[in-house]
Amino acid sequence: MQGCLNFVTPGPDGTVRFVLDNGWTGTGQQPVEVQLEDWRESADTLTLDREGFVLDRVVSGVTDYRDQLQLERLWLPAVKHTVLRVTGGSG
């Protein structure tokens, strides 16, 4: 299946500036047509170093993704925890 993904592009000095808002202001975005594939059966073999992505499950307890308070209280900490676990980061 073909799909269009937006990739963030660096500015003239080579840095990427993220502004935390729903509009992703401050980032240059380049839409790229890509071939989308189902990698779920290969999830255990994917690595950030080789493929540049992994598949993982975020367990948050959110029951309503339209509820901003649940997103702030449950989803964001769960995503942070998952990213730190997957990357081996601290924070």
PDB file of N, CA and C in Angstrom:
ATOM      1  N   MET A   1       0.839  -1.157   0.000  1.00  0.00           N
ATOM      2  CA  MET A   1       0.000   0.000   0.000  1.00  0.00           C
ATOM      3  C   MET A   1       0.895   1.234   0.000  1.00  0.00           C
ATOM      4  N   GLN A   2       0.539   2.231  -0.761  1.00  0.00           N
ATOM      5  CA  GLN A   2       1.259   3.497  -0.800  1.00  0.00           C
ATOM      6  C   GLN A   2       0.638   4.466   0.198  1.00  0.00           C
ATOM      7  N   GLY A   3       1.455   5.306   0.791  1.00  0.00           N
ATOM      8  CA  GLY A   3       0.965   6.326   1.706  1.00  0.00           C
ATOM      9  C   GLY A   3       1.920   7.499   1.718  1.00  0.00           C
ATOM     10  N   CYS A   4       1.467   8.601   2.223  1.00  0.00           N
ATOM     11  CA  CYS A   4       2.289   9.804   2.297  1.00  0.00           C
ATOM     12  C   CYS A   4       2.615  10.082   3.760  1.00  0.00           C
ATOM     13  N   LEU A   5       3.915  10.147   4.075  1.00  0.00           N
ATOM     14  CA  LEU A   5       4.368  10.478   5.426  1.00  0.00           C
ATOM     15  C   LEU A   5       5.097  11.815   5.376  1.00  0.00           C
ATOM     16  N   ASN A   6       4.930  12.610   6.408  1.00  0.00           N
ATOM     17  CA  ASN A   6       5.655  13.872   6.517  1.00  0.00           C
ATOM     18  C   ASN A   6       6.913  13.649   7.341  1.00  0.00           C
ATOM     19  N   PHE A   7       8.054  13.986   6.774  1.00  0.00           N
ATOM     20  CA  PHE A   7       9.327  13.877   7.466  1.00  0.00           C
ATOM     21  C   PHE A   7       9.787  15.267   7.854  1.00  0.00           C
ATOM     22  N   VAL A   8      10.308  15.396   9.080  1.00  0.00           N
ATOM     23  CA  VAL A   8      10.824  16.675   9.544  1.00  0.00           C
ATOM     24  C   VAL A   8      12.185  16.899   8.906  1.00  0.00           C
ATOM     25  N   THR A   9      12.398  18.100   8.392  1.00  0.00           N
ATOM     26  CA  THR A   9      13.668  18.425   7.748  1.00  0.00           C
ATOM     27  C   THR A   9      14.428  19.443   8.591  1.00  0.00           C
ATOM     28  N   PRO A  10      15.753  19.342   8.634  1.00  0.00           N
ATOM     29  CA  PRO A  10      16.539  20.288   9.429  1.00  0.00           C
ATOM     30  C   PRO A  10      16.554  21.675   8.784  1.00  0.00           C
ATOM     31  N   GLY A  11      16.782  22.678   9.639  1.00  0.00           N
ATOM     32  CA  GLY A  11      16.914  24.049   9.161  1.00  0.00           C
ATOM     33  C   GLY A  11      18.274  24.268   8.503  1.00  0.00           C
ATOM     34  N   PRO A  12      18.557  25.489   8.071  1.00  0.00           N
ATOM     35  CA  PRO A  12      19.818  25.797   7.379  1.00  0.00           C
ATOM     36  C   PRO A  12      21.061  25.475   8.193  1.00  0.00           C
ATOM     37  N   ASP A  13      20.951  25.554   9.532  1.00  0.00           N
ATOM     38  CA  ASP A  13      22.120  25.257  10.374  1.00  0.00           C
ATOM     39  C   ASP A  13      22.213  23.782  10.751  1.00  0.00           C
ATOM     40  N   GLY A  14      21.291  22.946  10.225  1.00  0.00           N
ATOM     41  CA  GLY A  14      21.338  21.508  10.472  1.00  0.00           C
ATOM     42  C   GLY A  14      20.545  21.045  11.675  1.00  0.00           C
ATOM     43  N   THR A  15      19.936  21.964  12.405  1.00  0.00           N
ATOM     44  CA  THR A  15      19.172  21.562  13.584  1.00  0.00           C
ATOM     45  C   THR A  15      17.687  21.481  13.263  1.00  0.00           C
ATOM     46  N   VAL A  16      16.986  20.717  14.078  1.00  0.00           N
ATOM     47  CA  VAL A  16      15.530  20.620  13.981  1.00  0.00           C
ATOM     48  C   VAL A  16      14.969  21.242  15.248  1.00  0.00           C
ATOM     49  N   ARG A  17      14.065  22.176  15.090  1.00  0.00           N
ATOM     50  CA  ARG A  17      13.460  22.868  16.228  1.00  0.00           C
ATOM     51  C   ARG A  17      12.012  22.403  16.369  1.00  0.00           C
ATOM     52  N   PHE A  18      11.698  21.780  17.495  1.00  0.00           N
ATOM     53  CA  PHE A  18      10.332  21.335  17.764  1.00  0.00           C
ATOM     54  C   PHE A  18       9.665  22.310  18.720  1.00  0.00           C
ATOM     55  N   VAL A  19       8.476  22.740  18.379  1.00  0.00           N
ATOM     56  CA  VAL A  19       7.654  23.550  19.267  1.00  0.00           C
ATOM     57  C   VAL A  19       6.490  22.671  19.676  1.00  0.00           C
ATOM     58  N   LEU A  20       6.289  22.532  20.972  1.00  0.00           N
ATOM     59  CA  LEU A  20       5.283  21.601  21.454  1.00  0.00           C
ATOM     60  C   LEU A  20       3.882  22.205  21.361  1.00  0.00           C
ATOM     61  N   ASP A  21       3.300  22.079  20.202  1.00  0.00           N
ATOM     62  CA  ASP A  21       1.905  22.455  20.010  1.00  0.00           C
ATOM     63  C   ASP A  21       1.323  21.495  18.987  1.00  0.00           C
ATOM     64  N   ASN A  22       0.038  21.502  18.822  1.00  0.00           N
ATOM     65  CA  ASN A  22      -0.610  20.557  17.913  1.00  0.00           C
ATOM     66  C   ASN A  22      -0.329  20.838  16.453  1.00  0.00           C
ATOM     67  N   GLY A  23       0.180  22.022  16.138  1.00  0.00           N
ATOM     68  CA  GLY A  23       0.441  22.361  14.741  1.00  0.00           C
ATOM     69  C   GLY A  23       1.844  22.048  14.276  1.00  0.00           C
ATOM     70  N   TRP A  24       2.723  21.560  15.156  1.00  0.00           N
ATOM     71  CA  TRP A  24       4.103  21.254  14.818  1.00  0.00           C
ATOM     72  C   TRP A  24       4.803  22.463  14.204  1.00  0.00           C
ATOM     73  N   THR A  25       4.505  23.659  14.722  1.00  0.00           N
ATOM     74  CA  THR A  25       5.156  24.842  14.186  1.00  0.00           C
ATOM     75  C   THR A  25       6.648  24.770  14.467  1.00  0.00           C
ATOM     76  N   GLY A  26       7.415  25.411  13.636  1.00  0.00           N
ATOM     77  CA  GLY A  26       8.862  25.434  13.812  1.00  0.00           C
ATOM     78  C   GLY A  26       9.570  24.273  13.146  1.00  0.00           C
ATOM     79  N   THR A  27       8.838  23.353  12.563  1.00  0.00           N
ATOM     80  CA  THR A  27       9.482  22.236  11.875  1.00  0.00           C
ATOM     81  C   THR A  27       9.228  22.363  10.384  1.00  0.00           C
ATOM     82  N   GLY A  28      10.264  22.121   9.615  1.00  0.00           N
ATOM     83  CA  GLY A  28      10.073  22.012   8.177  1.00  0.00           C
ATOM     84  C   GLY A  28       9.615  20.598   7.883  1.00  0.00           C
ATOM     85  N   GLN A  29       8.544  20.453   7.153  1.00  0.00           N
ATOM     86  CA  GLN A  29       8.040  19.112   6.871  1.00  0.00           C
ATOM     87  C   GLN A  29       8.043  18.856   5.369  1.00  0.00           C
ATOM     88  N   GLN A  30       8.525  17.680   5.015  1.00  0.00           N
ATOM     89  CA  GLN A  30       8.592  17.268   3.619  1.00  0.00           C
ATOM     90  C   GLN A  30       7.727  16.035   3.426  1.00  0.00           C
ATOM     91  N   PRO A  31       6.608  16.140   2.688  1.00  0.00           N
ATOM     92  CA  PRO A  31       5.801  14.943   2.422  1.00  0.00           C
ATOM     93  C   PRO A  31       6.513  14.020   1.433  1.00  0.00           C
ATOM     94  N   VAL A  32       6.537  12.744   1.765  1.00  0.00           N
ATOM     95  CA  VAL A  32       7.204  11.752   0.916  1.00  0.00           C
ATOM     96  C   VAL A  32       6.258  10.573   0.712  1.00  0.00           C
ATOM     97  N   GLU A  33       6.058  10.175  -0.519  1.00  0.00           N
ATOM     98  CA  GLU A  33       5.254   8.996  -0.841  1.00  0.00           C
ATOM     99  C   GLU A  33       6.092   7.757  -0.521  1.00  0.00           C
ATOM    100  N   VAL A  34       5.553   6.858   0.295  1.00  0.00           N
ATOM    101  CA  VAL A  34       6.302   5.669   0.716  1.00  0.00           C
ATOM    102  C   VAL A  34       5.452   4.418   0.560  1.00  0.00           C
ATOM    103  N   GLN A  35       6.126   3.291   0.486  1.00  0.00           N
ATOM    104  CA  GLN A  35       5.466   1.991   0.476  1.00  0.00           C
ATOM    105  C   GLN A  35       5.250   1.579   1.927  1.00  0.00           C
ATOM    106  N   LEU A  36       4.007   1.353   2.329  1.00  0.00           N
ATOM    107  CA  LEU A  36       3.691   0.937   3.693  1.00  0.00           C
ATOM    108  C   LEU A  36       3.530  -0.577   3.739  1.00  0.00           C
ATOM    109  N   GLU A  37       4.145  -1.186   4.751  1.00  0.00           N
ATOM    110  CA  GLU A  37       4.076  -2.638   4.908  1.00  0.00           C
ATOM    111  C   GLU A  37       3.711  -2.974   6.344  1.00  0.00           C
ATOM    112  N   ASP A  38       3.141  -4.139   6.544  1.00  0.00           N
ATOM    113  CA  ASP A  38       2.775  -4.617   7.871  1.00  0.00           C
ATOM    114  C   ASP A  38       3.980  -5.341   8.469  1.00  0.00           C
ATOM    115  N   TRP A  39       4.622  -4.727   9.455  1.00  0.00           N
ATOM    116  CA  TRP A  39       5.822  -5.282  10.074  1.00  0.00           C
ATOM    117  C   TRP A  39       5.522  -5.974  11.396  1.00  0.00           C
ATOM    118  N   ARG A  40       4.247  -6.131  11.758  1.00  0.00           N
ATOM    119  CA  ARG A  40       3.930  -6.670  13.081  1.00  0.00           C
ATOM    120  C   ARG A  40       4.521  -8.055  13.321  1.00  0.00           C
ATOM    121  N   GLU A  41       4.538  -8.910  12.320  1.00  0.00           N
ATOM    122  CA  GLU A  41       5.094 -10.258  12.518  1.00  0.00           C
ATOM    123  C   GLU A  41       6.606 -10.233  12.709  1.00  0.00           C
ATOM    124  N   SER A  42       7.268  -9.163  12.301  1.00  0.00           N
ATOM    125  CA  SER A  42       8.717  -9.030  12.435  1.00  0.00           C
ATOM    126  C   SER A  42       9.107  -8.108  13.580  1.00  0.00           C
ATOM    127  N   ALA A  43       8.156  -7.720  14.410  1.00  0.00           N
ATOM    128  CA  ALA A  43       8.402  -6.714  15.452  1.00  0.00           C
ATOM    129  C   ALA A  43       9.594  -7.056  16.333  1.00  0.00           C
ATOM    130  N   ASP A  44       9.785  -8.326  16.661  1.00  0.00           N
ATOM    131  CA  ASP A  44      10.873  -8.712  17.558  1.00  0.00           C
ATOM    132  C   ASP A  44      12.250  -8.603  16.920  1.00  0.00           C
ATOM    133  N   THR A  45      12.316  -8.472  15.602  1.00  0.00           N
ATOM    134  CA  THR A  45      13.618  -8.416  14.927  1.00  0.00           C
ATOM    135  C   THR A  45      14.024  -6.996  14.534  1.00  0.00           C
ATOM    136  N   LEU A  46      13.134  -6.016  14.710  1.00  0.00           N
ATOM    137  CA  LEU A  46      13.429  -4.642  14.321  1.00  0.00           C
ATOM    138  C   LEU A  46      14.335  -3.964  15.345  1.00  0.00           C
ATOM    139  N   THR A  47      15.258  -3.121  14.871  1.00  0.00           N
ATOM    140  CA  THR A  47      16.106  -2.343  15.772  1.00  0.00           C
ATOM    141  C   THR A  47      16.170  -0.897  15.292  1.00  0.00           C
ATOM    142  N   LEU A  48      16.364   0.009  16.251  1.00  0.00           N
ATOM    143  CA  LEU A  48      16.518   1.419  15.892  1.00  0.00           C
ATOM    144  C   LEU A  48      17.764   1.631  15.032  1.00  0.00           C
ATOM    145  N   ASP A  49      18.848   0.920  15.342  1.00  0.00           N
ATOM    146  CA  ASP A  49      20.095   1.102  14.595  1.00  0.00           C
ATOM    147  C   ASP A  49      19.982   0.656  13.146  1.00  0.00           C
ATOM    148  N   ARG A  50      19.273  -0.426  12.882  1.00  0.00           N
ATOM    149  CA  ARG A  50      19.202  -0.967  11.518  1.00  0.00           C
ATOM    150  C   ARG A  50      18.022  -0.387  10.728  1.00  0.00           C
ATOM    151  N   GLU A  51      16.809  -0.490  11.264  1.00  0.00           N
ATOM    152  CA  GLU A  51      15.622  -0.038  10.524  1.00  0.00           C
ATOM    153  C   GLU A  51      15.276   1.423  10.803  1.00  0.00           C
ATOM    154  N   GLY A  52      15.738   1.942  11.930  1.00  0.00           N
ATOM    155  CA  GLY A  52      15.412   3.315  12.298  1.00  0.00           C
ATOM    156  C   GLY A  52      14.082   3.430  13.024  1.00  0.00           C
ATOM    157  N   PHE A  53      13.445   2.314  13.316  1.00  0.00           N
ATOM    158  CA  PHE A  53      12.192   2.306  14.068  1.00  0.00           C
ATOM    159  C   PHE A  53      12.005   0.944  14.699  1.00  0.00           C
ATOM    160  N   VAL A  54      11.159   0.898  15.720  1.00  0.00           N
ATOM    161  CA  VAL A  54      10.729  -0.357  16.333  1.00  0.00           C
ATOM    162  C   VAL A  54       9.227  -0.284  16.528  1.00  0.00           C
ATOM    163  N   LEU A  55       8.622  -1.412  16.725  1.00  0.00           N
ATOM    164  CA  LEU A  55       7.204  -1.473  17.061  1.00  0.00           C
ATOM    165  C   LEU A  55       7.101  -1.868  18.520  1.00  0.00           C
ATOM    166  N   ASP A  56       6.335  -1.122  19.278  1.00  0.00           N
ATOM    167  CA  ASP A  56       6.183  -1.408  20.690  1.00  0.00           C
ATOM    168  C   ASP A  56       4.788  -0.978  21.116  1.00  0.00           C
ATOM    169  N   ARG A  57       4.329  -1.488  22.212  1.00  0.00           N
ATOM    170  CA  ARG A  57       2.995  -1.167  22.712  1.00  0.00           C
ATOM    171  C   ARG A  57       3.122  -0.154  23.851  1.00  0.00           C
ATOM    172  N   VAL A  58       2.292   0.886  23.801  1.00  0.00           N
ATOM    173  CA  VAL A  58       2.223   1.866  24.883  1.00  0.00           C
ATOM    174  C   VAL A  58       1.016   1.507  25.745  1.00  0.00           C
ATOM    175  N   VAL A  59       1.276   1.184  27.007  1.00  0.00           N
ATOM    176  CA  VAL A  59       0.202   0.837  27.945  1.00  0.00           C
ATOM    177  C   VAL A  59      -0.027   2.060  28.820  1.00  0.00           C
ATOM    178  N   SER A  60      -1.200   2.684  28.653  1.00  0.00           N
ATOM    179  CA  SER A  60      -1.427   3.963  29.323  1.00  0.00           C
ATOM    180  C   SER A  60      -2.634   3.997  30.251  1.00  0.00           C
ATOM    181  N   GLY A  61      -3.617   3.172  30.032  1.00  0.00           N
ATOM    182  CA  GLY A  61      -4.841   3.242  30.803  1.00  0.00           C
ATOM    183  C   GLY A  61      -5.829   4.287  30.305  1.00  0.00           C
ATOM    184  N   VAL A  62      -5.526   4.961  29.204  1.00  0.00           N
ATOM    185  CA  VAL A  62      -6.442   5.955  28.651  1.00  0.00           C
ATOM    186  C   VAL A  62      -7.698   5.254  28.147  1.00  0.00           C
ATOM    187  N   THR A  63      -8.848   5.784  28.510  1.00  0.00           N
ATOM    188  CA  THR A  63     -10.118   5.222  28.048  1.00  0.00           C
ATOM    189  C   THR A  63     -10.810   6.124  27.033  1.00  0.00           C
ATOM    190  N   ASP A  64     -10.389   7.396  26.960  1.00  0.00           N
ATOM    191  CA  ASP A  64     -11.003   8.340  26.026  1.00  0.00           C
ATOM    192  C   ASP A  64      -9.913   9.254  25.474  1.00  0.00           C
ATOM    193  N   TYR A  65      -9.490   8.998  24.244  1.00  0.00           N
ATOM    194  CA  TYR A  65      -8.405   9.763  23.641  1.00  0.00           C
ATOM    195  C   TYR A  65      -8.828  11.174  23.237  1.00  0.00           C
ATOM    196  N   ARG A  66     -10.089  11.529  23.473  1.00  0.00           N
ATOM    197  CA  ARG A  66     -10.548  12.903  23.259  1.00  0.00           C
ATOM    198  C   ARG A  66     -10.447  13.723  24.539  1.00  0.00           C
ATOM    199  N   ASP A  67     -10.168  13.078  25.667  1.00  0.00           N
ATOM    200  CA  ASP A  67     -10.090  13.722  26.972  1.00  0.00           C
ATOM    201  C   ASP A  67      -8.666  14.243  27.194  1.00  0.00           C
ATOM    202  N   GLN A  68      -8.492  15.560  27.088  1.00  0.00           N
ATOM    203  CA  GLN A  68      -7.171  16.177  27.201  1.00  0.00           C
ATOM    204  C   GLN A  68      -6.508  15.868  28.540  1.00  0.00           C
ATOM    205  N   LEU A  69      -7.285  15.820  29.616  1.00  0.00           N
ATOM    206  CA  LEU A  69      -6.709  15.519  30.933  1.00  0.00           C
ATOM    207  C   LEU A  69      -6.149  14.107  30.999  1.00  0.00           C
ATOM    208  N   GLN A  70      -6.859  13.145  30.421  1.00  0.00           N
ATOM    209  CA  GLN A  70      -6.341  11.773  30.385  1.00  0.00           C
ATOM    210  C   GLN A  70      -5.065  11.713  29.557  1.00  0.00           C
ATOM    211  N   LEU A  71      -5.038  12.438  28.444  1.00  0.00           N
ATOM    212  CA  LEU A  71      -3.839  12.431  27.605  1.00  0.00           C
ATOM    213  C   LEU A  71      -2.637  12.991  28.371  1.00  0.00           C
ATOM    214  N   GLU A  72      -2.852  14.091  29.073  1.00  0.00           N
ATOM    215  CA  GLU A  72      -1.757  14.699  29.832  1.00  0.00           C
ATOM    216  C   GLU A  72      -1.343  13.851  31.028  1.00  0.00           C
ATOM    217  N   ARG A  73      -2.322  13.291  31.711  1.00  0.00           N
ATOM    218  CA  ARG A  73      -2.046  12.553  32.952  1.00  0.00           C
ATOM    219  C   ARG A  73      -1.565  11.127  32.700  1.00  0.00           C
ATOM    220  N   LEU A  74      -2.100  10.479  31.659  1.00  0.00           N
ATOM    221  CA  LEU A  74      -1.803   9.063  31.433  1.00  0.00           C
ATOM    222  C   LEU A  74      -0.984   8.803  30.172  1.00  0.00           C
ATOM    223  N   TRP A  75      -1.399   9.374  29.040  1.00  0.00           N
ATOM    224  CA  TRP A  75      -0.774   9.041  27.758  1.00  0.00           C
ATOM    225  C   TRP A  75       0.663   9.561  27.663  1.00  0.00           C
ATOM    226  N   LEU A  76       0.862  10.847  27.952  1.00  0.00           N
ATOM    227  CA  LEU A  76       2.209  11.407  27.806  1.00  0.00           C
ATOM    228  C   LEU A  76       3.241  10.715  28.689  1.00  0.00           C
ATOM    229  N   PRO A  77       2.966  10.465  29.985  1.00  0.00           N
ATOM    230  CA  PRO A  77       3.939   9.725  30.789  1.00  0.00           C
ATOM    231  C   PRO A  77       4.182   8.301  30.272  1.00  0.00           C
ATOM    232  N   ALA A  78       3.141   7.650  29.757  1.00  0.00           N
ATOM    233  CA  ALA A  78       3.303   6.294  29.229  1.00  0.00           C
ATOM    234  C   ALA A  78       4.175   6.291  27.982  1.00  0.00           C
ATOM    235  N   VAL A  79       3.981   7.282  27.123  1.00  0.00           N
ATOM    236  CA  VAL A  79       4.814   7.386  25.915  1.00  0.00           C
ATOM    237  C   VAL A  79       6.264   7.655  26.314  1.00  0.00           C
ATOM    238  N   LYS A  80       6.466   8.585  27.243  1.00  0.00           N
ATOM    239  CA  LYS A  80       7.825   8.884  27.710  1.00  0.00           C
ATOM    240  C   LYS A  80       8.494   7.630  28.266  1.00  0.00           C
ATOM    241  N   HIS A  81       7.779   6.902  29.110  1.00  0.00           N
ATOM    242  CA  HIS A  81       8.309   5.667  29.692  1.00  0.00           C
ATOM    243  C   HIS A  81       8.696   4.667  28.588  1.00  0.00           C
ATOM    244  N   THR A  82       7.834   4.519  27.591  1.00  0.00           N
ATOM    245  CA  THR A  82       8.103   3.570  26.502  1.00  0.00           C
ATOM    246  C   THR A  82       9.323   3.992  25.701  1.00  0.00           C
ATOM    247  N   VAL A  83       9.418   5.266  25.358  1.00  0.00           N
ATOM    248  CA  VAL A  83      10.578   5.757  24.596  1.00  0.00           C
ATOM    249  C   VAL A  83      11.863   5.553  25.373  1.00  0.00           C
ATOM    250  N   LEU A  84      11.848   5.879  26.665  1.00  0.00           N
ATOM    251  CA  LEU A  84      13.055   5.681  27.475  1.00  0.00           C
ATOM    252  C   LEU A  84      13.424   4.210  27.573  1.00  0.00           C
ATOM    253  N   ARG A  85      12.444   3.351  27.747  1.00  0.00           N
ATOM    254  CA  ARG A  85      12.718   1.902  27.832  1.00  0.00           C
ATOM    255  C   ARG A  85      13.287   1.373  26.530  1.00  0.00           C
ATOM    256  N   VAL A  86      12.671   1.756  25.409  1.00  0.00           N
ATOM    257  CA  VAL A  86      13.102   1.230  24.111  1.00  0.00           C
ATOM    258  C   VAL A  86      14.482   1.740  23.720  1.00  0.00           C
ATOM    259  N   THR A  87      14.770   2.990  24.050  1.00  0.00           N
ATOM    260  CA  THR A  87      16.050   3.584  23.639  1.00  0.00           C
ATOM    261  C   THR A  87      17.156   3.402  24.673  1.00  0.00           C
ATOM    262  N   GLY A  88      16.778   2.994  25.896  1.00  0.00           N
ATOM    263  CA  GLY A  88      17.769   2.887  26.952  1.00  0.00           C
ATOM    264  C   GLY A  88      18.121   4.243  27.548  1.00  0.00           C
ATOM    265  N   GLY A  89      17.289   5.239  27.284  1.00  0.00           N
ATOM    266  CA  GLY A  89      17.541   6.589  27.779  1.00  0.00           C
ATOM    267  C   GLY A  89      17.192   6.742  29.239  1.00  0.00           C
ATOM    268  N   SER A  90      17.550   7.903  29.773  1.00  0.00           N
ATOM    269  CA  SER A  90      17.179   8.231  31.149  1.00  0.00           C
ATOM    270  C   SER A  90      16.525   9.598  31.130  1.00  0.00           C
ATOM    271  N   GLY A  91      15.660   9.828  32.066  1.00  0.00           N
ATOM    272  CA  GLY A  91      15.051  11.142  32.023  1.00  0.00           C
ATOM    273  C   GLY A  91      13.903  11.273  32.880  1.00  0.00           C
TER     274      GLY A  91
END
